[in-house]
Amino acid sequence: MSDTPTHSQGEALSERQQAVLDAVLALMVEQGDQLTMTAVARRASCSKETLYKWFGDRDGLLTATVQWQASKVRADNYDRQALDAATLRKSLRDFAENWLSVITSQTSIALNRAAIGHAASGKSNLGGIVLANGRVAIGERLKPVLEAGRAAGLLDFDDAETAFRTFFGLVGRDVQIRLLLGDALVSGKAEIQRDAARATDQFLALHGRPNTVPKA
């Protein structure tokens, strides 16, 4: 799956379409899941016909919105043939920092709250959309980094999905659930950088070969 979200015709989003998706996220922060195509069109200063043309329907709009938010979590570019311990550590740390910055934002909190509510009530497929285009898609971006680290002799694990879940748990800890439940958790840049570095060191202590394990 590409890191760049697309609209219903499979083309990369334009800046105008990205602005529409930002309007969707802003409305979800303000209004929760009470989201209509009319409200989005009004906020984004475009017609409902344009929204339907670009995104197909409400589920298509929500899918593109989730993809747009999830696309902000990216893995670094690196030379697979020249991957070393320092580059691997930086890639994992930057990914963790990037992901923590996204999930602690008000937009992600609102989006996930709405998805949980919809999944429980069967109101829409938003829960499935968030799962497929959020957590699953993000895993598919990081697993190639883990597999490259294993191929370079820097990591030791049997299954990339299991290794990703370990990393995911070390990075996220209880942060997301606390924020979803309204905890006024402080997650500034310094705290995020510290937590990302710690999670990376813990993951490398579990799965790193001797030359990648953090020194005491």
N, C-alpha and C. Protein backbone atom coordinates (compact mmCIF):
# COMPACT_ATOMS: atom_id res chain seq x y z
N MET A 1 0.84 -1.20 0.00
CA MET A 1 0.00 0.00 0.00
C MET A 1 0.88 1.25 0.00
N SER A 2 0.53 2.21 -0.84
CA SER A 2 1.31 3.44 -0.91
C SER A 2 1.09 4.28 0.33
N ASP A 3 2.13 5.07 0.67
CA ASP A 3 2.00 5.99 1.80
C ASP A 3 1.12 7.17 1.44
N THR A 4 0.87 7.40 0.13
CA THR A 4 0.10 8.55 -0.31
C THR A 4 -1.35 8.14 -0.51
N PRO A 5 -2.28 8.76 0.24
CA PRO A 5 -3.68 8.40 0.09
C PRO A 5 -4.21 8.81 -1.27
N THR A 6 -5.28 8.15 -1.71
CA THR A 6 -5.88 8.44 -3.00
C THR A 6 -7.37 8.67 -2.83
N HIS A 7 -8.00 9.29 -3.85
CA HIS A 7 -9.44 9.42 -3.80
C HIS A 7 -10.07 8.24 -4.54
N SER A 8 -11.35 8.28 -4.78
CA SER A 8 -12.07 7.10 -5.25
C SER A 8 -11.61 6.62 -6.62
N GLN A 9 -10.96 7.45 -7.42
CA GLN A 9 -10.49 7.04 -8.73
C GLN A 9 -9.05 6.54 -8.68
N GLY A 10 -8.48 6.45 -7.49
CA GLY A 10 -7.16 5.87 -7.34
C GLY A 10 -6.01 6.81 -7.64
N GLU A 11 -6.29 8.10 -7.82
CA GLU A 11 -5.25 9.06 -8.12
C GLU A 11 -4.78 9.73 -6.83
N ALA A 12 -3.54 10.23 -6.86
CA ALA A 12 -3.00 10.92 -5.68
C ALA A 12 -3.84 12.16 -5.39
N LEU A 13 -3.96 12.47 -4.11
CA LEU A 13 -4.76 13.61 -3.70
C LEU A 13 -4.10 14.93 -4.10
N SER A 14 -4.92 15.86 -4.57
CA SER A 14 -4.44 17.21 -4.83
C SER A 14 -4.41 17.99 -3.52
N GLU A 15 -3.80 19.16 -3.54
CA GLU A 15 -3.77 20.00 -2.35
C GLU A 15 -5.20 20.39 -1.94
N ARG A 16 -6.06 20.60 -2.92
CA ARG A 16 -7.45 20.97 -2.60
C ARG A 16 -8.17 19.82 -1.93
N GLN A 17 -7.94 18.61 -2.39
CA GLN A 17 -8.56 17.45 -1.78
C GLN A 17 -8.01 17.21 -0.37
N GLN A 18 -6.72 17.44 -0.19
CA GLN A 18 -6.13 17.32 1.14
C GLN A 18 -6.76 18.33 2.10
N ALA A 19 -7.04 19.53 1.59
CA ALA A 19 -7.68 20.56 2.42
C ALA A 19 -9.08 20.10 2.84
N VAL A 20 -9.78 19.40 1.95
CA VAL A 20 -11.10 18.88 2.28
C VAL A 20 -10.98 17.87 3.41
N LEU A 21 -10.00 16.99 3.33
CA LEU A 21 -9.82 15.97 4.37
C LEU A 21 -9.41 16.60 5.70
N ASP A 22 -8.64 17.67 5.65
CA ASP A 22 -8.32 18.40 6.87
C ASP A 22 -9.59 19.00 7.47
N ALA A 23 -10.50 19.43 6.61
CA ALA A 23 -11.78 19.97 7.10
C ALA A 23 -12.60 18.87 7.77
N VAL A 24 -12.57 17.66 7.22
CA VAL A 24 -13.26 16.53 7.85
C VAL A 24 -12.70 16.28 9.25
N LEU A 25 -11.38 16.25 9.36
CA LEU A 25 -10.74 16.01 10.66
C LEU A 25 -11.10 17.10 11.66
N ALA A 26 -11.12 18.36 11.20
CA ALA A 26 -11.47 19.46 12.10
C ALA A 26 -12.91 19.33 12.59
N LEU A 27 -13.81 18.92 11.70
CA LEU A 27 -15.20 18.73 12.09
C LEU A 27 -15.36 17.59 13.09
N MET A 28 -14.56 16.55 12.93
CA MET A 28 -14.66 15.43 13.86
C MET A 28 -14.17 15.82 15.25
N VAL A 29 -13.16 16.69 15.32
CA VAL A 29 -12.71 17.20 16.61
C VAL A 29 -13.82 18.01 17.27
N GLU A 30 -14.51 18.82 16.48
CA GLU A 30 -15.54 19.71 17.01
C GLU A 30 -16.85 18.99 17.30
N GLN A 31 -17.24 18.05 16.43
CA GLN A 31 -18.59 17.49 16.49
C GLN A 31 -18.63 15.98 16.71
N GLY A 32 -17.48 15.34 16.83
CA GLY A 32 -17.48 13.89 16.97
C GLY A 32 -17.92 13.22 15.69
N ASP A 33 -18.78 12.23 15.79
CA ASP A 33 -19.15 11.46 14.60
C ASP A 33 -20.41 12.01 13.91
N GLN A 34 -20.86 13.19 14.32
CA GLN A 34 -22.03 13.80 13.67
C GLN A 34 -21.59 14.50 12.39
N LEU A 35 -21.14 13.70 11.44
CA LEU A 35 -20.52 14.23 10.24
C LEU A 35 -21.42 13.99 9.03
N THR A 36 -21.73 15.06 8.31
CA THR A 36 -22.54 14.93 7.10
C THR A 36 -21.78 15.51 5.91
N MET A 37 -22.15 15.07 4.72
CA MET A 37 -21.52 15.60 3.51
C MET A 37 -21.83 17.10 3.38
N THR A 38 -23.00 17.49 3.85
CA THR A 38 -23.37 18.91 3.80
C THR A 38 -22.44 19.74 4.66
N ALA A 39 -22.18 19.25 5.89
CA ALA A 39 -21.30 19.99 6.80
C ALA A 39 -19.88 20.06 6.25
N VAL A 40 -19.41 18.97 5.65
CA VAL A 40 -18.06 18.97 5.07
C VAL A 40 -17.98 19.95 3.91
N ALA A 41 -19.00 19.92 3.04
CA ALA A 41 -19.01 20.83 1.89
C ALA A 41 -19.00 22.28 2.34
N ARG A 42 -19.78 22.57 3.38
CA ARG A 42 -19.83 23.94 3.89
C ARG A 42 -18.48 24.36 4.47
N ARG A 43 -17.87 23.49 5.29
CA ARG A 43 -16.59 23.83 5.92
C ARG A 43 -15.48 23.95 4.87
N ALA A 44 -15.50 23.09 3.86
CA ALA A 44 -14.43 23.07 2.86
C ALA A 44 -14.69 24.01 1.70
N SER A 45 -15.83 24.70 1.74
CA SER A 45 -16.20 25.64 0.67
C SER A 45 -16.21 24.96 -0.70
N CYS A 46 -16.90 23.82 -0.77
CA CYS A 46 -17.06 23.15 -2.05
C CYS A 46 -18.46 22.56 -2.09
N SER A 47 -18.85 22.01 -3.21
CA SER A 47 -20.19 21.45 -3.35
C SER A 47 -20.22 19.98 -2.94
N LYS A 48 -21.40 19.50 -2.57
CA LYS A 48 -21.55 18.07 -2.27
C LYS A 48 -21.28 17.24 -3.52
N GLU A 49 -21.64 17.77 -4.67
CA GLU A 49 -21.38 17.05 -5.92
C GLU A 49 -19.89 16.80 -6.12
N THR A 50 -19.08 17.79 -5.75
CA THR A 50 -17.63 17.63 -5.85
C THR A 50 -17.13 16.54 -4.90
N LEU A 51 -17.68 16.52 -3.69
CA LEU A 51 -17.28 15.49 -2.73
C LEU A 51 -17.62 14.11 -3.25
N TYR A 52 -18.82 13.95 -3.81
CA TYR A 52 -19.21 12.64 -4.34
C TYR A 52 -18.35 12.26 -5.54
N LYS A 53 -17.99 13.24 -6.36
CA LYS A 53 -17.15 12.97 -7.52
C LYS A 53 -15.76 12.49 -7.08
N TRP A 54 -15.21 13.15 -6.06
CA TRP A 54 -13.85 12.83 -5.60
C TRP A 54 -13.79 11.55 -4.78
N PHE A 55 -14.77 11.37 -3.88
CA PHE A 55 -14.64 10.31 -2.88
C PHE A 55 -15.71 9.22 -2.97
N GLY A 56 -16.68 9.39 -3.84
CA GLY A 56 -17.68 8.35 -4.05
C GLY A 56 -18.89 8.47 -3.15
N ASP A 57 -18.69 8.33 -1.85
CA ASP A 57 -19.77 8.43 -0.88
C ASP A 57 -19.16 8.75 0.48
N ARG A 58 -19.99 8.69 1.51
CA ARG A 58 -19.50 9.05 2.85
C ARG A 58 -18.41 8.09 3.32
N ASP A 59 -18.59 6.79 3.06
CA ASP A 59 -17.55 5.83 3.45
C ASP A 59 -16.26 6.08 2.68
N GLY A 60 -16.39 6.46 1.41
CA GLY A 60 -15.20 6.78 0.63
C GLY A 60 -14.48 8.00 1.17
N LEU A 61 -15.25 8.99 1.60
CA LEU A 61 -14.67 10.19 2.21
C LEU A 61 -13.97 9.84 3.51
N LEU A 62 -14.61 9.01 4.34
CA LEU A 62 -14.00 8.61 5.61
C LEU A 62 -12.74 7.78 5.38
N THR A 63 -12.78 6.89 4.39
CA THR A 63 -11.59 6.08 4.07
C THR A 63 -10.43 6.97 3.67
N ALA A 64 -10.69 7.94 2.80
CA ALA A 64 -9.63 8.85 2.37
C ALA A 64 -9.11 9.68 3.53
N THR A 65 -10.02 10.06 4.45
CA THR A 65 -9.61 10.84 5.61
C THR A 65 -8.69 10.04 6.52
N VAL A 66 -9.04 8.77 6.76
CA VAL A 66 -8.20 7.92 7.59
C VAL A 66 -6.85 7.70 6.92
N GLN A 67 -6.86 7.45 5.61
CA GLN A 67 -5.60 7.26 4.89
C GLN A 67 -4.73 8.52 4.96
N TRP A 68 -5.37 9.67 4.87
CA TRP A 68 -4.64 10.94 4.92
C TRP A 68 -3.98 11.13 6.29
N GLN A 69 -4.72 10.81 7.35
CA GLN A 69 -4.15 10.92 8.69
C GLN A 69 -3.04 9.90 8.89
N ALA A 70 -3.27 8.65 8.45
CA ALA A 70 -2.27 7.60 8.63
C ALA A 70 -1.03 7.82 7.78
N SER A 71 -1.17 8.54 6.67
CA SER A 71 -0.02 8.78 5.80
C SER A 71 1.04 9.64 6.46
N LYS A 72 0.68 10.29 7.57
CA LYS A 72 1.64 11.13 8.29
C LYS A 72 2.63 10.28 9.09
N VAL A 73 2.36 8.97 9.22
CA VAL A 73 3.29 8.06 9.88
C VAL A 73 4.06 7.34 8.79
N ARG A 74 5.35 7.66 8.67
CA ARG A 74 6.14 7.14 7.56
C ARG A 74 7.44 6.53 8.07
N ALA A 75 7.94 5.60 7.31
CA ALA A 75 9.26 5.03 7.57
C ALA A 75 10.29 5.83 6.77
N ASP A 76 11.50 5.96 7.31
CA ASP A 76 12.56 6.69 6.62
C ASP A 76 12.96 5.98 5.33
N ASN A 77 13.47 6.76 4.38
CA ASN A 77 14.11 6.18 3.22
C ASN A 77 15.52 5.74 3.61
N TYR A 78 15.94 4.60 3.13
CA TYR A 78 17.26 4.10 3.46
C TYR A 78 17.72 3.18 2.35
N ASP A 79 19.03 2.97 2.28
CA ASP A 79 19.63 2.06 1.31
C ASP A 79 19.67 0.67 1.93
N ARG A 80 18.82 -0.22 1.44
CA ARG A 80 18.73 -1.57 2.01
C ARG A 80 20.07 -2.29 1.99
N GLN A 81 20.86 -2.00 0.96
CA GLN A 81 22.15 -2.68 0.82
C GLN A 81 23.21 -2.13 1.76
N ALA A 82 22.98 -0.94 2.30
CA ALA A 82 23.99 -0.32 3.18
C ALA A 82 23.42 -0.04 4.56
N LEU A 83 22.39 -0.79 4.96
CA LEU A 83 21.76 -0.57 6.26
C LEU A 83 22.72 -0.98 7.38
N ASP A 84 22.97 -0.06 8.30
CA ASP A 84 23.81 -0.38 9.45
C ASP A 84 23.04 -0.13 10.74
N ALA A 85 23.69 -0.41 11.86
CA ALA A 85 23.02 -0.32 13.16
C ALA A 85 22.51 1.10 13.44
N ALA A 86 23.32 2.10 13.11
CA ALA A 86 22.93 3.49 13.40
C ALA A 86 21.72 3.90 12.56
N THR A 87 21.73 3.51 11.28
CA THR A 87 20.62 3.86 10.40
C THR A 87 19.33 3.15 10.83
N LEU A 88 19.46 1.88 11.21
CA LEU A 88 18.30 1.13 11.67
C LEU A 88 17.72 1.76 12.93
N ARG A 89 18.58 2.09 13.88
CA ARG A 89 18.12 2.70 15.13
C ARG A 89 17.39 4.02 14.85
N LYS A 90 17.96 4.82 13.96
CA LYS A 90 17.35 6.11 13.62
C LYS A 90 16.00 5.91 12.94
N SER A 91 15.91 4.93 12.03
CA SER A 91 14.65 4.67 11.33
C SER A 91 13.56 4.26 12.31
N LEU A 92 13.90 3.38 13.25
CA LEU A 92 12.92 2.93 14.23
C LEU A 92 12.52 4.06 15.18
N ARG A 93 13.51 4.84 15.62
CA ARG A 93 13.22 5.94 16.54
C ARG A 93 12.36 7.01 15.86
N ASP A 94 12.70 7.36 14.62
CA ASP A 94 11.94 8.37 13.90
C ASP A 94 10.51 7.91 13.64
N PHE A 95 10.36 6.61 13.28
CA PHE A 95 9.03 6.06 13.06
C PHE A 95 8.20 6.14 14.34
N ALA A 96 8.81 5.75 15.46
CA ALA A 96 8.11 5.79 16.75
C ALA A 96 7.71 7.21 17.11
N GLU A 97 8.62 8.15 16.92
CA GLU A 97 8.33 9.55 17.24
C GLU A 97 7.20 10.08 16.36
N ASN A 98 7.28 9.74 15.07
CA ASN A 98 6.26 10.16 14.11
C ASN A 98 4.89 9.61 14.49
N TRP A 99 4.85 8.32 14.82
CA TRP A 99 3.59 7.67 15.16
C TRP A 99 2.99 8.23 16.45
N LEU A 100 3.83 8.44 17.46
CA LEU A 100 3.34 9.02 18.72
C LEU A 100 2.79 10.42 18.51
N SER A 101 3.44 11.20 17.66
CA SER A 101 2.96 12.56 17.38
C SER A 101 1.57 12.52 16.76
N VAL A 102 1.33 11.54 15.88
CA VAL A 102 0.04 11.44 15.21
C VAL A 102 -1.04 10.96 16.17
N ILE A 103 -0.79 9.88 16.91
CA ILE A 103 -1.87 9.31 17.74
C ILE A 103 -2.22 10.17 18.94
N THR A 104 -1.33 11.07 19.34
CA THR A 104 -1.63 11.95 20.46
C THR A 104 -2.27 13.26 20.02
N SER A 105 -2.46 13.44 18.71
CA SER A 105 -3.10 14.66 18.22
C SER A 105 -4.60 14.61 18.46
N GLN A 106 -5.21 15.76 18.58
CA GLN A 106 -6.65 15.83 18.81
C GLN A 106 -7.44 15.22 17.66
N THR A 107 -6.91 15.34 16.43
CA THR A 107 -7.62 14.77 15.28
C THR A 107 -7.67 13.25 15.36
N SER A 108 -6.55 12.61 15.72
CA SER A 108 -6.54 11.15 15.82
C SER A 108 -7.40 10.67 16.97
N ILE A 109 -7.39 11.39 18.08
CA ILE A 109 -8.22 11.01 19.22
C ILE A 109 -9.69 11.04 18.82
N ALA A 110 -10.11 12.12 18.15
CA ALA A 110 -11.51 12.24 17.72
C ALA A 110 -11.87 11.16 16.72
N LEU A 111 -10.98 10.88 15.78
CA LEU A 111 -11.24 9.87 14.76
C LEU A 111 -11.38 8.48 15.38
N ASN A 112 -10.50 8.16 16.31
CA ASN A 112 -10.55 6.84 16.94
C ASN A 112 -11.75 6.69 17.87
N ARG A 113 -12.12 7.76 18.56
CA ARG A 113 -13.32 7.71 19.39
C ARG A 113 -14.55 7.42 18.54
N ALA A 114 -14.64 8.10 17.40
CA ALA A 114 -15.78 7.88 16.51
C ALA A 114 -15.77 6.44 15.97
N ALA A 115 -14.60 5.95 15.61
CA ALA A 115 -14.48 4.60 15.06
C ALA A 115 -14.90 3.55 16.08
N ILE A 116 -14.51 3.74 17.34
CA ILE A 116 -14.89 2.79 18.39
C ILE A 116 -16.40 2.79 18.59
N GLY A 117 -16.99 3.99 18.61
CA GLY A 117 -18.44 4.09 18.77
C GLY A 117 -19.18 3.43 17.62
N HIS A 118 -18.71 3.62 16.41
CA HIS A 118 -19.37 3.03 15.24
C HIS A 118 -19.21 1.51 15.23
N ALA A 119 -18.03 1.04 15.64
CA ALA A 119 -17.80 -0.41 15.67
C ALA A 119 -18.73 -1.09 16.68
N ALA A 120 -18.98 -0.42 17.79
CA ALA A 120 -19.85 -0.99 18.83
C ALA A 120 -21.31 -0.98 18.43
N SER A 121 -21.73 0.06 17.71
CA SER A 121 -23.15 0.22 17.38
C SER A 121 -23.52 -0.34 16.01
N GLY A 122 -22.51 -0.60 15.17
CA GLY A 122 -22.80 -1.03 13.81
C GLY A 122 -23.32 0.09 12.95
N LYS A 123 -23.12 1.33 13.40
CA LYS A 123 -23.63 2.49 12.69
C LYS A 123 -23.04 2.64 11.30
N SER A 124 -21.76 2.31 11.17
CA SER A 124 -21.09 2.37 9.87
C SER A 124 -19.86 1.47 9.92
N ASN A 125 -19.11 1.45 8.84
CA ASN A 125 -17.90 0.63 8.77
C ASN A 125 -16.67 1.42 9.17
N LEU A 126 -16.84 2.53 9.90
CA LEU A 126 -15.70 3.38 10.24
C LEU A 126 -14.64 2.61 11.04
N GLY A 127 -15.07 1.72 11.94
CA GLY A 127 -14.10 0.96 12.71
C GLY A 127 -13.21 0.12 11.81
N GLY A 128 -13.82 -0.57 10.85
CA GLY A 128 -13.04 -1.37 9.91
C GLY A 128 -12.15 -0.53 9.03
N ILE A 129 -12.63 0.65 8.65
CA ILE A 129 -11.85 1.56 7.83
C ILE A 129 -10.60 2.02 8.58
N VAL A 130 -10.78 2.39 9.84
CA VAL A 130 -9.64 2.84 10.66
C VAL A 130 -8.65 1.71 10.87
N LEU A 131 -9.15 0.51 11.13
CA LEU A 131 -8.26 -0.64 11.35
C LEU A 131 -7.45 -0.95 10.10
N ALA A 132 -8.12 -1.02 8.95
CA ALA A 132 -7.43 -1.40 7.71
C ALA A 132 -6.48 -0.33 7.21
N ASN A 133 -6.88 0.93 7.32
CA ASN A 133 -6.08 2.01 6.74
C ASN A 133 -5.21 2.72 7.77
N GLY A 134 -5.38 2.35 9.05
CA GLY A 134 -4.55 2.91 10.10
C GLY A 134 -3.53 1.91 10.57
N ARG A 135 -3.88 1.13 11.57
CA ARG A 135 -2.93 0.21 12.18
C ARG A 135 -2.34 -0.80 11.18
N VAL A 136 -3.20 -1.41 10.35
CA VAL A 136 -2.71 -2.42 9.41
C VAL A 136 -1.78 -1.79 8.37
N ALA A 137 -2.18 -0.66 7.80
CA ALA A 137 -1.36 -0.01 6.79
C ALA A 137 -0.04 0.47 7.36
N ILE A 138 -0.06 0.98 8.60
CA ILE A 138 1.16 1.43 9.24
C ILE A 138 2.12 0.26 9.46
N GLY A 139 1.56 -0.89 9.84
CA GLY A 139 2.38 -2.08 10.00
C GLY A 139 3.07 -2.47 8.72
N GLU A 140 2.36 -2.34 7.60
CA GLU A 140 2.95 -2.69 6.31
C GLU A 140 4.05 -1.73 5.90
N ARG A 141 4.08 -0.54 6.48
CA ARG A 141 5.17 0.39 6.20
C ARG A 141 6.42 0.08 7.01
N LEU A 142 6.22 -0.41 8.24
CA LEU A 142 7.38 -0.65 9.09
C LEU A 142 7.97 -2.04 8.90
N LYS A 143 7.16 -3.03 8.58
CA LYS A 143 7.68 -4.39 8.48
C LYS A 143 8.82 -4.53 7.47
N PRO A 144 8.81 -3.83 6.33
CA PRO A 144 9.98 -3.92 5.44
C PRO A 144 11.28 -3.43 6.09
N VAL A 145 11.17 -2.43 6.99
CA VAL A 145 12.36 -1.96 7.71
C VAL A 145 12.87 -3.07 8.63
N LEU A 146 11.96 -3.72 9.34
CA LEU A 146 12.35 -4.81 10.23
C LEU A 146 12.97 -5.95 9.44
N GLU A 147 12.37 -6.29 8.32
CA GLU A 147 12.89 -7.38 7.50
C GLU A 147 14.25 -7.03 6.91
N ALA A 148 14.45 -5.75 6.55
CA ALA A 148 15.75 -5.33 6.06
C ALA A 148 16.80 -5.42 7.17
N GLY A 149 16.39 -5.08 8.40
CA GLY A 149 17.31 -5.20 9.53
C GLY A 149 17.69 -6.65 9.79
N ARG A 150 16.74 -7.55 9.63
CA ARG A 150 17.04 -8.98 9.81
C ARG A 150 17.97 -9.46 8.69
N ALA A 151 17.70 -9.05 7.45
CA ALA A 151 18.53 -9.47 6.32
C ALA A 151 19.96 -8.97 6.46
N ALA A 152 20.12 -7.81 7.11
CA ALA A 152 21.45 -7.24 7.31
C ALA A 152 22.15 -7.81 8.53
N GLY A 153 21.49 -8.73 9.24
CA GLY A 153 22.10 -9.33 10.42
C GLY A 153 22.05 -8.45 11.65
N LEU A 154 21.13 -7.46 11.64
CA LEU A 154 21.03 -6.53 12.76
C LEU A 154 19.90 -6.90 13.73
N LEU A 155 18.90 -7.62 13.23
CA LEU A 155 17.76 -8.02 14.04
C LEU A 155 17.56 -9.53 13.98
N ASP A 156 16.97 -10.05 15.03
CA ASP A 156 16.71 -11.49 15.12
C ASP A 156 15.25 -11.70 15.54
N PHE A 157 14.42 -12.17 14.62
CA PHE A 157 13.03 -12.51 14.94
C PHE A 157 12.55 -13.52 13.90
N ASP A 158 11.50 -14.26 14.25
CA ASP A 158 10.96 -15.28 13.36
C ASP A 158 9.88 -14.75 12.44
N ASP A 159 9.06 -13.83 12.94
CA ASP A 159 7.90 -13.37 12.19
C ASP A 159 7.81 -11.85 12.26
N ALA A 160 7.74 -11.20 11.08
CA ALA A 160 7.73 -9.74 11.03
C ALA A 160 6.50 -9.15 11.69
N GLU A 161 5.34 -9.79 11.53
CA GLU A 161 4.12 -9.27 12.15
C GLU A 161 4.23 -9.29 13.67
N THR A 162 4.76 -10.39 14.22
CA THR A 162 4.93 -10.48 15.67
C THR A 162 5.93 -9.45 16.16
N ALA A 163 7.02 -9.28 15.43
CA ALA A 163 8.02 -8.28 15.81
C ALA A 163 7.43 -6.87 15.76
N PHE A 164 6.61 -6.60 14.72
CA PHE A 164 5.96 -5.29 14.64
C PHE A 164 5.04 -5.06 15.82
N ARG A 165 4.25 -6.07 16.19
CA ARG A 165 3.33 -5.91 17.31
C ARG A 165 4.09 -5.63 18.60
N THR A 166 5.26 -6.23 18.76
CA THR A 166 6.08 -5.95 19.94
C THR A 166 6.52 -4.49 19.93
N PHE A 167 7.02 -4.03 18.79
CA PHE A 167 7.46 -2.64 18.68
C PHE A 167 6.29 -1.69 18.91
N PHE A 168 5.15 -2.01 18.29
CA PHE A 168 3.93 -1.20 18.42
C PHE A 168 3.53 -1.06 19.89
N GLY A 169 3.60 -2.15 20.63
CA GLY A 169 3.23 -2.12 22.04
C GLY A 169 4.21 -1.33 22.88
N LEU A 170 5.49 -1.45 22.58
CA LEU A 170 6.50 -0.71 23.33
C LEU A 170 6.39 0.78 23.09
N VAL A 171 6.06 1.16 21.88
CA VAL A 171 5.92 2.58 21.56
C VAL A 171 4.64 3.16 22.16
N GLY A 172 3.52 2.47 21.92
CA GLY A 172 2.23 3.03 22.34
C GLY A 172 1.94 2.90 23.81
N ARG A 173 2.43 1.80 24.43
CA ARG A 173 2.16 1.53 25.84
C ARG A 173 0.66 1.75 26.13
N ASP A 174 0.34 2.54 27.12
CA ASP A 174 -1.08 2.81 27.44
C ASP A 174 -1.49 4.21 27.01
N VAL A 175 -0.66 4.86 26.19
CA VAL A 175 -0.89 6.27 25.85
C VAL A 175 -2.22 6.46 25.14
N GLN A 176 -2.47 5.66 24.10
CA GLN A 176 -3.66 5.90 23.28
C GLN A 176 -4.95 5.66 24.07
N ILE A 177 -5.01 4.57 24.83
CA ILE A 177 -6.24 4.29 25.58
C ILE A 177 -6.48 5.35 26.64
N ARG A 178 -5.43 5.86 27.27
CA ARG A 178 -5.61 6.92 28.26
C ARG A 178 -6.16 8.18 27.62
N LEU A 179 -5.64 8.53 26.45
CA LEU A 179 -6.12 9.73 25.76
C LEU A 179 -7.56 9.54 25.30
N LEU A 180 -7.89 8.36 24.81
CA LEU A 180 -9.26 8.10 24.36
C LEU A 180 -10.26 8.20 25.51
N LEU A 181 -9.79 7.88 26.72
CA LEU A 181 -10.67 7.94 27.89
C LEU A 181 -10.64 9.30 28.58
N GLY A 182 -9.95 10.26 27.98
CA GLY A 182 -10.00 11.62 28.49
C GLY A 182 -8.90 12.02 29.43
N ASP A 183 -7.88 11.19 29.60
CA ASP A 183 -6.77 11.54 30.47
C ASP A 183 -6.02 12.73 29.89
N ALA A 184 -5.75 13.73 30.71
CA ALA A 184 -5.04 14.92 30.26
C ALA A 184 -3.54 14.64 30.26
N LEU A 185 -3.13 13.72 29.42
CA LEU A 185 -1.75 13.27 29.36
C LEU A 185 -0.90 14.30 28.61
N VAL A 186 0.23 14.68 29.18
CA VAL A 186 1.12 15.63 28.53
C VAL A 186 1.99 14.87 27.53
N SER A 187 1.88 15.25 26.25
CA SER A 187 2.65 14.58 25.21
C SER A 187 3.30 15.63 24.31
N GLY A 188 4.17 16.43 24.90
CA GLY A 188 4.89 17.43 24.13
C GLY A 188 6.01 16.80 23.33
N LYS A 189 6.70 17.62 22.55
CA LYS A 189 7.76 17.10 21.68
C LYS A 189 8.85 16.40 22.47
N ALA A 190 9.26 16.98 23.60
CA ALA A 190 10.34 16.37 24.39
C ALA A 190 9.92 15.02 24.94
N GLU A 191 8.68 14.92 25.43
CA GLU A 191 8.19 13.65 25.97
C GLU A 191 8.09 12.59 24.87
N ILE A 192 7.64 13.00 23.71
CA ILE A 192 7.51 12.06 22.59
C ILE A 192 8.88 11.56 22.14
N GLN A 193 9.85 12.46 22.05
CA GLN A 193 11.20 12.05 21.66
C GLN A 193 11.80 11.09 22.68
N ARG A 194 11.59 11.36 23.95
CA ARG A 194 12.10 10.48 25.01
C ARG A 194 11.45 9.11 24.95
N ASP A 195 10.13 9.09 24.79
CA ASP A 195 9.42 7.81 24.74
C ASP A 195 9.79 7.01 23.50
N ALA A 196 9.97 7.69 22.37
CA ALA A 196 10.35 7.00 21.14
C ALA A 196 11.74 6.38 21.26
N ALA A 197 12.66 7.11 21.84
CA ALA A 197 14.02 6.59 22.02
C ALA A 197 14.02 5.40 22.97
N ARG A 198 13.25 5.49 24.05
CA ARG A 198 13.20 4.39 25.02
C ARG A 198 12.59 3.14 24.40
N ALA A 199 11.50 3.30 23.64
CA ALA A 199 10.86 2.15 23.00
C ALA A 199 11.80 1.49 22.00
N THR A 200 12.55 2.29 21.27
CA THR A 200 13.50 1.75 20.31
C THR A 200 14.59 0.95 21.01
N ASP A 201 15.12 1.49 22.08
CA ASP A 201 16.16 0.77 22.84
C ASP A 201 15.60 -0.53 23.42
N GLN A 202 14.37 -0.49 23.90
CA GLN A 202 13.77 -1.70 24.47
C GLN A 202 13.56 -2.76 23.38
N PHE A 203 13.12 -2.33 22.20
CA PHE A 203 12.91 -3.27 21.10
C PHE A 203 14.24 -3.89 20.67
N LEU A 204 15.27 -3.07 20.57
CA LEU A 204 16.58 -3.59 20.17
C LEU A 204 17.17 -4.51 21.23
N ALA A 205 16.86 -4.26 22.49
CA ALA A 205 17.32 -5.16 23.55
C ALA A 205 16.67 -6.53 23.41
N LEU A 206 15.43 -6.56 22.89
CA LEU A 206 14.72 -7.82 22.70
C LEU A 206 15.12 -8.52 21.41
N HIS A 207 15.25 -7.76 20.34
CA HIS A 207 15.42 -8.37 19.02
C HIS A 207 16.72 -8.01 18.31
N GLY A 208 17.51 -7.13 18.90
CA GLY A 208 18.74 -6.73 18.22
C GLY A 208 19.86 -7.74 18.44
N ARG A 209 20.69 -7.89 17.42
CA ARG A 209 21.90 -8.70 17.57
C ARG A 209 22.91 -7.88 18.37
N PRO A 210 23.99 -8.47 18.86
CA PRO A 210 24.90 -7.78 19.78
C PRO A 210 25.36 -6.40 19.32
N ASN A 211 25.55 -6.20 18.02
CA ASN A 211 26.04 -4.90 17.54
C ASN A 211 24.96 -3.82 17.49
N THR A 212 23.70 -4.18 17.78
CA THR A 212 22.64 -3.18 17.75
C THR A 212 22.02 -2.96 19.12
N VAL A 213 22.33 -3.81 20.10
CA VAL A 213 21.75 -3.68 21.43
C VAL A 213 22.30 -2.42 22.09
N PRO A 214 21.42 -1.56 22.67
CA PRO A 214 21.91 -0.33 23.30
C PRO A 214 22.84 -0.64 24.46
N LYS A 215 23.86 0.18 24.56
CA LYS A 215 24.84 0.00 25.65
C LYS A 215 24.28 0.52 26.95
N ALA A 216 24.66 -0.11 28.06
CA ALA A 216 24.20 0.30 29.38
C ALA A 216 24.82 1.64 29.74
